[in-house]
Amino acid sequence: MLRSWEPQDVERAHAYNSDPLVWRYIGMTPAGSLDETRERVERLMGVERDYGFTLWPVVEIESGALIGDCGLVPLERVGPEVELGYRLGTASWGRGYATEAAGAVRDLGFERFGLERIYVDVDPGNAGSLAVARKIGARLIGPATHLGDPVLRHVLER
């Protein structure tokens, strides 16, 4: 399930925000403290206020656990293009959650937000994320740079 962020999500989000394995392909460092996770969550809440979309919390329905985030953000933080991003805690890898959440976000992007095109940038070494991009129908455009890091840029088109 995807939903908006709530202030009490910070502690639950810190588990995956502080995990180096989650961040190894993202080009950022893991959160070093709960305060740093709080800042990240507040930034994501601000993106939703400004744009109507963000990287929303991914909540496992069965357990109610916050297992990651997935959503839409301005490409390279500036736009005007929009990218779809996803990251899940390691305990949730390989269970289909990223594909399910990314597919739902893709549909929201086209249906609710009226986007014509959504980009998906993936580190070339991240086989799991490359598989998610492929499964949700993203077409490989080719090599690109995302916030200074090399990526394989994909596109979803309405």
N, C-alpha and C. Protein backbone atom coordinates (compact mmCIF):
# COMPACT_ATOMS: atom_id res chain seq x y z
N MET A 1 0.84 -1.16 0.00
CA MET A 1 0.00 0.00 0.00
C MET A 1 0.90 1.24 0.00
N LEU A 2 0.50 2.25 -0.76
CA LEU A 2 1.17 3.54 -0.77
C LEU A 2 0.28 4.55 -0.08
N ARG A 3 0.89 5.46 0.67
CA ARG A 3 0.14 6.51 1.35
C ARG A 3 1.06 7.68 1.60
N SER A 4 0.50 8.77 2.07
CA SER A 4 1.32 9.94 2.41
C SER A 4 2.12 9.69 3.68
N TRP A 5 3.21 10.43 3.82
CA TRP A 5 4.05 10.33 5.00
C TRP A 5 3.35 10.92 6.21
N GLU A 6 3.63 10.35 7.37
CA GLU A 6 3.16 10.85 8.65
C GLU A 6 4.38 11.03 9.54
N PRO A 7 4.38 12.03 10.41
CA PRO A 7 5.56 12.25 11.26
C PRO A 7 6.03 11.01 12.01
N GLN A 8 5.12 10.16 12.43
CA GLN A 8 5.52 8.97 13.19
C GLN A 8 6.19 7.90 12.32
N ASP A 9 6.27 8.13 11.00
CA ASP A 9 6.95 7.17 10.12
C ASP A 9 8.46 7.24 10.22
N VAL A 10 8.99 8.30 10.80
CA VAL A 10 10.44 8.52 10.79
C VAL A 10 11.19 7.34 11.40
N GLU A 11 10.79 6.89 12.56
CA GLU A 11 11.52 5.79 13.21
C GLU A 11 11.43 4.52 12.38
N ARG A 12 10.27 4.25 11.80
CA ARG A 12 10.12 3.04 10.99
C ARG A 12 10.92 3.14 9.69
N ALA A 13 11.02 4.33 9.12
CA ALA A 13 11.77 4.53 7.88
C ALA A 13 13.27 4.48 8.12
N HIS A 14 13.69 4.74 9.36
CA HIS A 14 15.13 4.79 9.64
C HIS A 14 15.80 3.43 9.40
N ALA A 15 15.08 2.35 9.57
CA ALA A 15 15.68 1.02 9.38
C ALA A 15 16.25 0.87 7.97
N TYR A 16 15.50 1.26 6.94
CA TYR A 16 16.04 1.13 5.58
C TYR A 16 16.84 2.37 5.17
N ASN A 17 16.54 3.52 5.74
CA ASN A 17 17.31 4.72 5.41
C ASN A 17 18.75 4.66 5.93
N SER A 18 18.99 3.86 6.94
CA SER A 18 20.34 3.76 7.51
C SER A 18 21.09 2.51 7.03
N ASP A 19 20.49 1.73 6.17
CA ASP A 19 21.09 0.48 5.70
C ASP A 19 21.97 0.72 4.47
N PRO A 20 23.28 0.52 4.57
CA PRO A 20 24.17 0.76 3.43
C PRO A 20 23.82 -0.08 2.19
N LEU A 21 23.29 -1.28 2.37
CA LEU A 21 22.91 -2.10 1.22
C LEU A 21 21.80 -1.45 0.41
N VAL A 22 20.87 -0.79 1.07
CA VAL A 22 19.77 -0.12 0.38
C VAL A 22 20.29 1.03 -0.47
N TRP A 23 21.31 1.71 0.01
CA TRP A 23 21.80 2.93 -0.64
C TRP A 23 22.97 2.72 -1.59
N ARG A 24 23.49 1.51 -1.70
CA ARG A 24 24.73 1.32 -2.47
C ARG A 24 24.59 1.69 -3.94
N TYR A 25 23.39 1.64 -4.52
CA TYR A 25 23.21 1.97 -5.93
C TYR A 25 22.51 3.31 -6.13
N ILE A 26 22.25 4.04 -5.08
CA ILE A 26 21.43 5.24 -5.19
C ILE A 26 22.27 6.51 -5.32
N GLY A 27 23.52 6.47 -4.98
CA GLY A 27 24.36 7.65 -5.13
C GLY A 27 24.27 8.61 -3.95
N MET A 28 23.73 8.13 -2.85
CA MET A 28 23.68 8.92 -1.62
C MET A 28 24.19 8.03 -0.49
N THR A 29 24.53 8.64 0.60
CA THR A 29 24.96 7.85 1.75
C THR A 29 23.75 7.53 2.62
N PRO A 30 23.81 6.44 3.36
CA PRO A 30 22.73 6.12 4.27
C PRO A 30 22.58 7.19 5.35
N ALA A 31 21.40 7.30 5.90
CA ALA A 31 21.18 8.23 7.01
C ALA A 31 22.03 7.79 8.20
N GLY A 32 22.78 8.73 8.75
CA GLY A 32 23.65 8.40 9.87
C GLY A 32 22.96 8.53 11.22
N SER A 33 21.78 9.12 11.23
CA SER A 33 21.07 9.33 12.49
C SER A 33 19.57 9.41 12.23
N LEU A 34 18.81 9.28 13.29
CA LEU A 34 17.37 9.43 13.19
C LEU A 34 17.01 10.84 12.72
N ASP A 35 17.77 11.84 13.14
CA ASP A 35 17.52 13.21 12.70
C ASP A 35 17.70 13.35 11.19
N GLU A 36 18.69 12.67 10.65
CA GLU A 36 18.91 12.72 9.21
C GLU A 36 17.74 12.05 8.46
N THR A 37 17.24 10.93 8.97
CA THR A 37 16.05 10.31 8.38
C THR A 37 14.87 11.26 8.47
N ARG A 38 14.71 11.94 9.60
CA ARG A 38 13.62 12.90 9.77
C ARG A 38 13.70 14.00 8.71
N GLU A 39 14.91 14.50 8.46
CA GLU A 39 15.09 15.52 7.42
C GLU A 39 14.69 14.99 6.05
N ARG A 40 15.04 13.75 5.75
CA ARG A 40 14.68 13.15 4.46
C ARG A 40 13.17 13.00 4.34
N VAL A 41 12.53 12.52 5.39
CA VAL A 41 11.08 12.37 5.36
C VAL A 41 10.40 13.73 5.21
N GLU A 42 10.88 14.72 5.94
CA GLU A 42 10.30 16.07 5.82
C GLU A 42 10.49 16.64 4.42
N ARG A 43 11.64 16.34 3.79
CA ARG A 43 11.86 16.77 2.41
C ARG A 43 10.84 16.12 1.47
N LEU A 44 10.60 14.82 1.68
CA LEU A 44 9.63 14.11 0.85
C LEU A 44 8.22 14.64 1.07
N MET A 45 7.90 15.00 2.31
CA MET A 45 6.59 15.61 2.59
C MET A 45 6.48 16.95 1.86
N GLY A 46 7.56 17.70 1.79
CA GLY A 46 7.58 18.97 1.08
C GLY A 46 7.39 18.79 -0.42
N VAL A 47 7.99 17.75 -0.97
CA VAL A 47 7.82 17.46 -2.40
C VAL A 47 6.34 17.19 -2.68
N GLU A 48 5.69 16.44 -1.80
CA GLU A 48 4.27 16.15 -2.01
C GLU A 48 3.44 17.42 -1.92
N ARG A 49 3.75 18.31 -0.98
CA ARG A 49 3.04 19.59 -0.88
C ARG A 49 3.21 20.41 -2.16
N ASP A 50 4.42 20.41 -2.69
CA ASP A 50 4.73 21.25 -3.85
C ASP A 50 4.22 20.68 -5.18
N TYR A 51 4.27 19.34 -5.33
CA TYR A 51 3.97 18.73 -6.62
C TYR A 51 2.74 17.82 -6.62
N GLY A 52 2.30 17.40 -5.44
CA GLY A 52 1.19 16.45 -5.38
C GLY A 52 1.66 15.00 -5.35
N PHE A 53 2.92 14.79 -5.67
CA PHE A 53 3.50 13.44 -5.62
C PHE A 53 4.83 13.49 -4.90
N THR A 54 5.33 12.32 -4.54
CA THR A 54 6.60 12.19 -3.83
C THR A 54 6.99 10.72 -3.86
N LEU A 55 8.04 10.36 -3.15
CA LEU A 55 8.31 8.96 -2.85
C LEU A 55 7.48 8.64 -1.61
N TRP A 56 6.39 7.92 -1.80
CA TRP A 56 5.48 7.60 -0.70
C TRP A 56 5.96 6.38 0.07
N PRO A 57 5.57 6.27 1.35
CA PRO A 57 5.89 5.06 2.10
C PRO A 57 5.21 3.84 1.48
N VAL A 58 5.94 2.75 1.42
CA VAL A 58 5.38 1.46 0.99
C VAL A 58 5.12 0.67 2.26
N VAL A 59 3.86 0.33 2.47
CA VAL A 59 3.45 -0.39 3.68
C VAL A 59 2.97 -1.77 3.28
N GLU A 60 3.56 -2.79 3.90
CA GLU A 60 3.11 -4.15 3.67
C GLU A 60 1.73 -4.32 4.32
N ILE A 61 0.75 -4.67 3.55
CA ILE A 61 -0.63 -4.74 4.06
C ILE A 61 -0.77 -5.78 5.16
N GLU A 62 -0.19 -6.94 4.96
CA GLU A 62 -0.35 -8.04 5.92
C GLU A 62 0.15 -7.68 7.32
N SER A 63 1.32 -7.05 7.39
CA SER A 63 1.93 -6.77 8.69
C SER A 63 1.77 -5.32 9.14
N GLY A 64 1.49 -4.42 8.19
CA GLY A 64 1.45 -3.00 8.51
C GLY A 64 2.83 -2.36 8.60
N ALA A 65 3.87 -3.14 8.26
CA ALA A 65 5.25 -2.64 8.35
C ALA A 65 5.56 -1.67 7.21
N LEU A 66 6.27 -0.61 7.52
CA LEU A 66 6.77 0.31 6.51
C LEU A 66 8.05 -0.32 5.97
N ILE A 67 8.05 -0.71 4.69
CA ILE A 67 9.16 -1.49 4.15
C ILE A 67 10.03 -0.73 3.14
N GLY A 68 9.63 0.48 2.78
CA GLY A 68 10.41 1.24 1.82
C GLY A 68 9.62 2.44 1.33
N ASP A 69 10.05 2.97 0.18
CA ASP A 69 9.28 4.05 -0.43
C ASP A 69 9.36 3.94 -1.94
N CYS A 70 8.36 4.49 -2.59
CA CYS A 70 8.25 4.41 -4.04
C CYS A 70 7.37 5.56 -4.49
N GLY A 71 7.73 6.18 -5.59
CA GLY A 71 6.89 7.27 -6.07
C GLY A 71 7.52 8.04 -7.20
N LEU A 72 7.06 9.26 -7.33
CA LEU A 72 7.47 10.17 -8.38
C LEU A 72 8.14 11.39 -7.77
N VAL A 73 9.20 11.84 -8.40
CA VAL A 73 9.90 13.06 -7.97
C VAL A 73 10.41 13.77 -9.22
N PRO A 74 10.66 15.08 -9.11
CA PRO A 74 11.26 15.78 -10.25
C PRO A 74 12.61 15.13 -10.61
N LEU A 75 12.83 14.88 -11.89
CA LEU A 75 14.06 14.25 -12.34
C LEU A 75 15.27 15.07 -11.90
N GLU A 76 16.22 14.42 -11.29
CA GLU A 76 17.43 15.02 -10.74
C GLU A 76 17.11 16.17 -9.80
N ARG A 77 15.96 16.06 -9.14
CA ARG A 77 15.48 17.01 -8.11
C ARG A 77 15.07 18.37 -8.67
N VAL A 78 15.14 18.56 -9.98
CA VAL A 78 14.79 19.87 -10.54
C VAL A 78 13.70 19.82 -11.59
N GLY A 79 13.49 18.67 -12.25
CA GLY A 79 12.48 18.58 -13.29
C GLY A 79 12.87 19.40 -14.51
N PRO A 80 11.96 19.75 -15.39
CA PRO A 80 10.53 19.51 -15.25
C PRO A 80 10.12 18.06 -15.49
N GLU A 81 11.06 17.25 -16.02
CA GLU A 81 10.75 15.85 -16.20
C GLU A 81 10.55 15.18 -14.84
N VAL A 82 9.87 14.04 -14.87
CA VAL A 82 9.54 13.34 -13.64
C VAL A 82 10.14 11.94 -13.70
N GLU A 83 10.67 11.50 -12.56
CA GLU A 83 11.20 10.15 -12.50
C GLU A 83 10.45 9.31 -11.47
N LEU A 84 10.44 8.02 -11.72
CA LEU A 84 9.86 7.05 -10.79
C LEU A 84 11.03 6.43 -10.04
N GLY A 85 10.95 6.42 -8.72
CA GLY A 85 11.99 5.82 -7.91
C GLY A 85 11.41 4.84 -6.91
N TYR A 86 12.25 3.92 -6.47
CA TYR A 86 11.81 2.92 -5.49
C TYR A 86 13.03 2.43 -4.72
N ARG A 87 12.83 2.20 -3.44
CA ARG A 87 13.85 1.58 -2.59
C ARG A 87 13.12 0.88 -1.45
N LEU A 88 13.56 -0.32 -1.20
CA LEU A 88 12.95 -1.13 -0.15
C LEU A 88 14.03 -1.65 0.78
N GLY A 89 13.64 -1.88 2.03
CA GLY A 89 14.53 -2.50 2.98
C GLY A 89 14.90 -3.89 2.51
N THR A 90 16.10 -4.35 2.88
CA THR A 90 16.61 -5.63 2.38
C THR A 90 15.72 -6.82 2.72
N ALA A 91 15.00 -6.77 3.82
CA ALA A 91 14.12 -7.89 4.18
C ALA A 91 12.98 -8.07 3.19
N SER A 92 12.72 -7.05 2.38
CA SER A 92 11.61 -7.10 1.42
C SER A 92 12.07 -7.34 -0.01
N TRP A 93 13.36 -7.48 -0.23
CA TRP A 93 13.87 -7.72 -1.58
C TRP A 93 13.43 -9.09 -2.09
N GLY A 94 13.18 -9.17 -3.39
CA GLY A 94 12.87 -10.44 -4.04
C GLY A 94 11.48 -10.96 -3.79
N ARG A 95 10.60 -10.12 -3.26
CA ARG A 95 9.24 -10.58 -2.94
C ARG A 95 8.19 -9.95 -3.86
N GLY A 96 8.62 -9.17 -4.84
CA GLY A 96 7.69 -8.57 -5.79
C GLY A 96 7.12 -7.23 -5.36
N TYR A 97 7.48 -6.77 -4.17
CA TYR A 97 6.91 -5.51 -3.68
C TYR A 97 7.33 -4.31 -4.52
N ALA A 98 8.58 -4.25 -4.94
CA ALA A 98 9.04 -3.11 -5.74
C ALA A 98 8.31 -3.05 -7.07
N THR A 99 8.13 -4.19 -7.71
CA THR A 99 7.41 -4.22 -8.98
C THR A 99 5.96 -3.81 -8.80
N GLU A 100 5.33 -4.32 -7.75
CA GLU A 100 3.93 -3.97 -7.49
C GLU A 100 3.78 -2.47 -7.20
N ALA A 101 4.64 -1.94 -6.35
CA ALA A 101 4.56 -0.52 -6.01
C ALA A 101 4.89 0.35 -7.22
N ALA A 102 5.94 0.01 -7.97
CA ALA A 102 6.33 0.81 -9.13
C ALA A 102 5.25 0.78 -10.21
N GLY A 103 4.59 -0.35 -10.39
CA GLY A 103 3.49 -0.42 -11.35
C GLY A 103 2.33 0.47 -10.94
N ALA A 104 2.02 0.49 -9.66
CA ALA A 104 0.95 1.37 -9.16
C ALA A 104 1.32 2.84 -9.34
N VAL A 105 2.58 3.17 -9.07
CA VAL A 105 3.05 4.56 -9.22
C VAL A 105 3.02 4.96 -10.70
N ARG A 106 3.45 4.08 -11.58
CA ARG A 106 3.38 4.35 -13.02
C ARG A 106 1.96 4.72 -13.42
N ASP A 107 1.00 3.92 -12.97
CA ASP A 107 -0.40 4.17 -13.31
C ASP A 107 -0.89 5.49 -12.73
N LEU A 108 -0.51 5.80 -11.49
CA LEU A 108 -0.87 7.09 -10.90
C LEU A 108 -0.28 8.24 -11.71
N GLY A 109 0.95 8.09 -12.13
CA GLY A 109 1.60 9.13 -12.91
C GLY A 109 0.84 9.45 -14.18
N PHE A 110 0.40 8.44 -14.87
CA PHE A 110 -0.33 8.66 -16.12
C PHE A 110 -1.78 9.06 -15.88
N GLU A 111 -2.44 8.39 -14.95
CA GLU A 111 -3.88 8.62 -14.76
C GLU A 111 -4.19 9.83 -13.89
N ARG A 112 -3.60 9.92 -12.70
CA ARG A 112 -3.92 11.00 -11.78
C ARG A 112 -3.17 12.29 -12.12
N PHE A 113 -1.90 12.16 -12.49
CA PHE A 113 -1.08 13.35 -12.70
C PHE A 113 -0.95 13.75 -14.17
N GLY A 114 -1.51 12.95 -15.07
CA GLY A 114 -1.54 13.32 -16.49
C GLY A 114 -0.18 13.39 -17.16
N LEU A 115 0.79 12.67 -16.64
CA LEU A 115 2.12 12.70 -17.24
C LEU A 115 2.11 11.96 -18.58
N GLU A 116 2.89 12.44 -19.51
CA GLU A 116 3.05 11.79 -20.81
C GLU A 116 4.24 10.84 -20.80
N ARG A 117 5.22 11.15 -19.94
CA ARG A 117 6.48 10.41 -19.91
C ARG A 117 7.00 10.38 -18.47
N ILE A 118 7.52 9.24 -18.07
CA ILE A 118 8.12 9.07 -16.75
C ILE A 118 9.46 8.36 -16.95
N TYR A 119 10.51 8.91 -16.36
CA TYR A 119 11.84 8.33 -16.48
C TYR A 119 12.14 7.42 -15.29
N VAL A 120 12.94 6.41 -15.54
CA VAL A 120 13.41 5.49 -14.50
C VAL A 120 14.91 5.35 -14.69
N ASP A 121 15.70 5.92 -13.79
CA ASP A 121 17.15 5.84 -13.86
C ASP A 121 17.63 4.75 -12.91
N VAL A 122 18.47 3.84 -13.43
CA VAL A 122 18.91 2.70 -12.65
C VAL A 122 20.43 2.55 -12.78
N ASP A 123 21.09 2.33 -11.65
CA ASP A 123 22.52 2.03 -11.67
C ASP A 123 22.73 0.77 -12.51
N PRO A 124 23.69 0.80 -13.44
CA PRO A 124 23.90 -0.37 -14.31
C PRO A 124 24.21 -1.66 -13.57
N GLY A 125 24.72 -1.58 -12.36
CA GLY A 125 25.05 -2.78 -11.60
C GLY A 125 23.92 -3.33 -10.75
N ASN A 126 22.78 -2.66 -10.76
CA ASN A 126 21.66 -3.06 -9.89
C ASN A 126 20.69 -3.94 -10.67
N ALA A 127 20.99 -5.23 -10.72
CA ALA A 127 20.18 -6.17 -11.49
C ALA A 127 18.72 -6.22 -11.04
N GLY A 128 18.49 -6.13 -9.73
CA GLY A 128 17.12 -6.17 -9.22
C GLY A 128 16.29 -4.99 -9.71
N SER A 129 16.86 -3.79 -9.65
CA SER A 129 16.13 -2.60 -10.10
C SER A 129 15.98 -2.59 -11.61
N LEU A 130 16.97 -3.09 -12.34
CA LEU A 130 16.82 -3.20 -13.79
C LEU A 130 15.65 -4.13 -14.14
N ALA A 131 15.50 -5.21 -13.38
CA ALA A 131 14.39 -6.14 -13.61
C ALA A 131 13.05 -5.47 -13.32
N VAL A 132 12.99 -4.67 -12.26
CA VAL A 132 11.74 -3.95 -11.94
C VAL A 132 11.38 -3.01 -13.08
N ALA A 133 12.35 -2.24 -13.56
CA ALA A 133 12.09 -1.31 -14.67
C ALA A 133 11.53 -2.06 -15.88
N ARG A 134 12.14 -3.17 -16.20
CA ARG A 134 11.68 -3.98 -17.34
C ARG A 134 10.26 -4.51 -17.11
N LYS A 135 10.00 -5.01 -15.90
CA LYS A 135 8.69 -5.60 -15.60
C LYS A 135 7.56 -4.59 -15.65
N ILE A 136 7.84 -3.32 -15.35
CA ILE A 136 6.76 -2.32 -15.40
C ILE A 136 6.64 -1.67 -16.78
N GLY A 137 7.43 -2.18 -17.73
CA GLY A 137 7.30 -1.73 -19.11
C GLY A 137 8.19 -0.57 -19.52
N ALA A 138 9.19 -0.25 -18.71
CA ALA A 138 10.09 0.86 -19.06
C ALA A 138 11.01 0.42 -20.19
N ARG A 139 11.15 1.30 -21.17
CA ARG A 139 12.01 1.05 -22.33
C ARG A 139 13.37 1.70 -22.09
N LEU A 140 14.43 0.94 -22.32
CA LEU A 140 15.79 1.46 -22.16
C LEU A 140 16.07 2.50 -23.24
N ILE A 141 16.49 3.69 -22.79
CA ILE A 141 16.93 4.74 -23.72
C ILE A 141 18.43 4.60 -23.92
N GLY A 142 19.18 4.45 -22.82
CA GLY A 142 20.63 4.29 -22.91
C GLY A 142 21.32 4.90 -21.71
N PRO A 143 22.65 4.99 -21.78
CA PRO A 143 23.42 5.54 -20.67
C PRO A 143 23.10 7.03 -20.46
N ALA A 144 23.13 7.45 -19.21
CA ALA A 144 22.90 8.85 -18.84
C ALA A 144 23.65 9.09 -17.53
N THR A 145 23.55 10.32 -17.06
CA THR A 145 24.12 10.68 -15.77
C THR A 145 22.99 11.20 -14.90
N HIS A 146 22.93 10.72 -13.66
CA HIS A 146 21.91 11.14 -12.71
C HIS A 146 22.62 11.65 -11.46
N LEU A 147 22.48 12.94 -11.19
CA LEU A 147 23.16 13.57 -10.05
C LEU A 147 24.64 13.21 -10.02
N GLY A 148 25.25 13.17 -11.20
CA GLY A 148 26.68 12.91 -11.32
C GLY A 148 27.07 11.46 -11.42
N ASP A 149 26.13 10.54 -11.25
CA ASP A 149 26.44 9.12 -11.30
C ASP A 149 25.94 8.50 -12.61
N PRO A 150 26.70 7.53 -13.16
CA PRO A 150 26.24 6.88 -14.38
C PRO A 150 25.02 6.00 -14.11
N VAL A 151 24.04 6.07 -15.01
CA VAL A 151 22.83 5.26 -14.90
C VAL A 151 22.43 4.76 -16.28
N LEU A 152 21.54 3.80 -16.28
CA LEU A 152 20.84 3.42 -17.51
C LEU A 152 19.47 4.08 -17.42
N ARG A 153 19.20 4.98 -18.34
CA ARG A 153 17.92 5.71 -18.33
C ARG A 153 16.89 4.92 -19.13
N HIS A 154 15.73 4.78 -18.49
CA HIS A 154 14.57 4.11 -19.10
C HIS A 154 13.44 5.13 -19.18
N VAL A 155 12.45 4.85 -20.01
CA VAL A 155 11.30 5.72 -20.10
C VAL A 155 10.02 4.90 -20.16
N LEU A 156 9.02 5.41 -19.51
CA LEU A 156 7.66 4.90 -19.61
C LEU A 156 6.86 5.96 -20.35
N GLU A 157 6.10 5.58 -21.35
CA GLU A 157 5.31 6.55 -22.08
C GLU A 157 3.85 6.17 -22.05
N ARG A 158 3.03 7.20 -21.96
CA ARG A 158 1.58 6.98 -21.88
C ARG A 158 1.12 6.16 -23.06
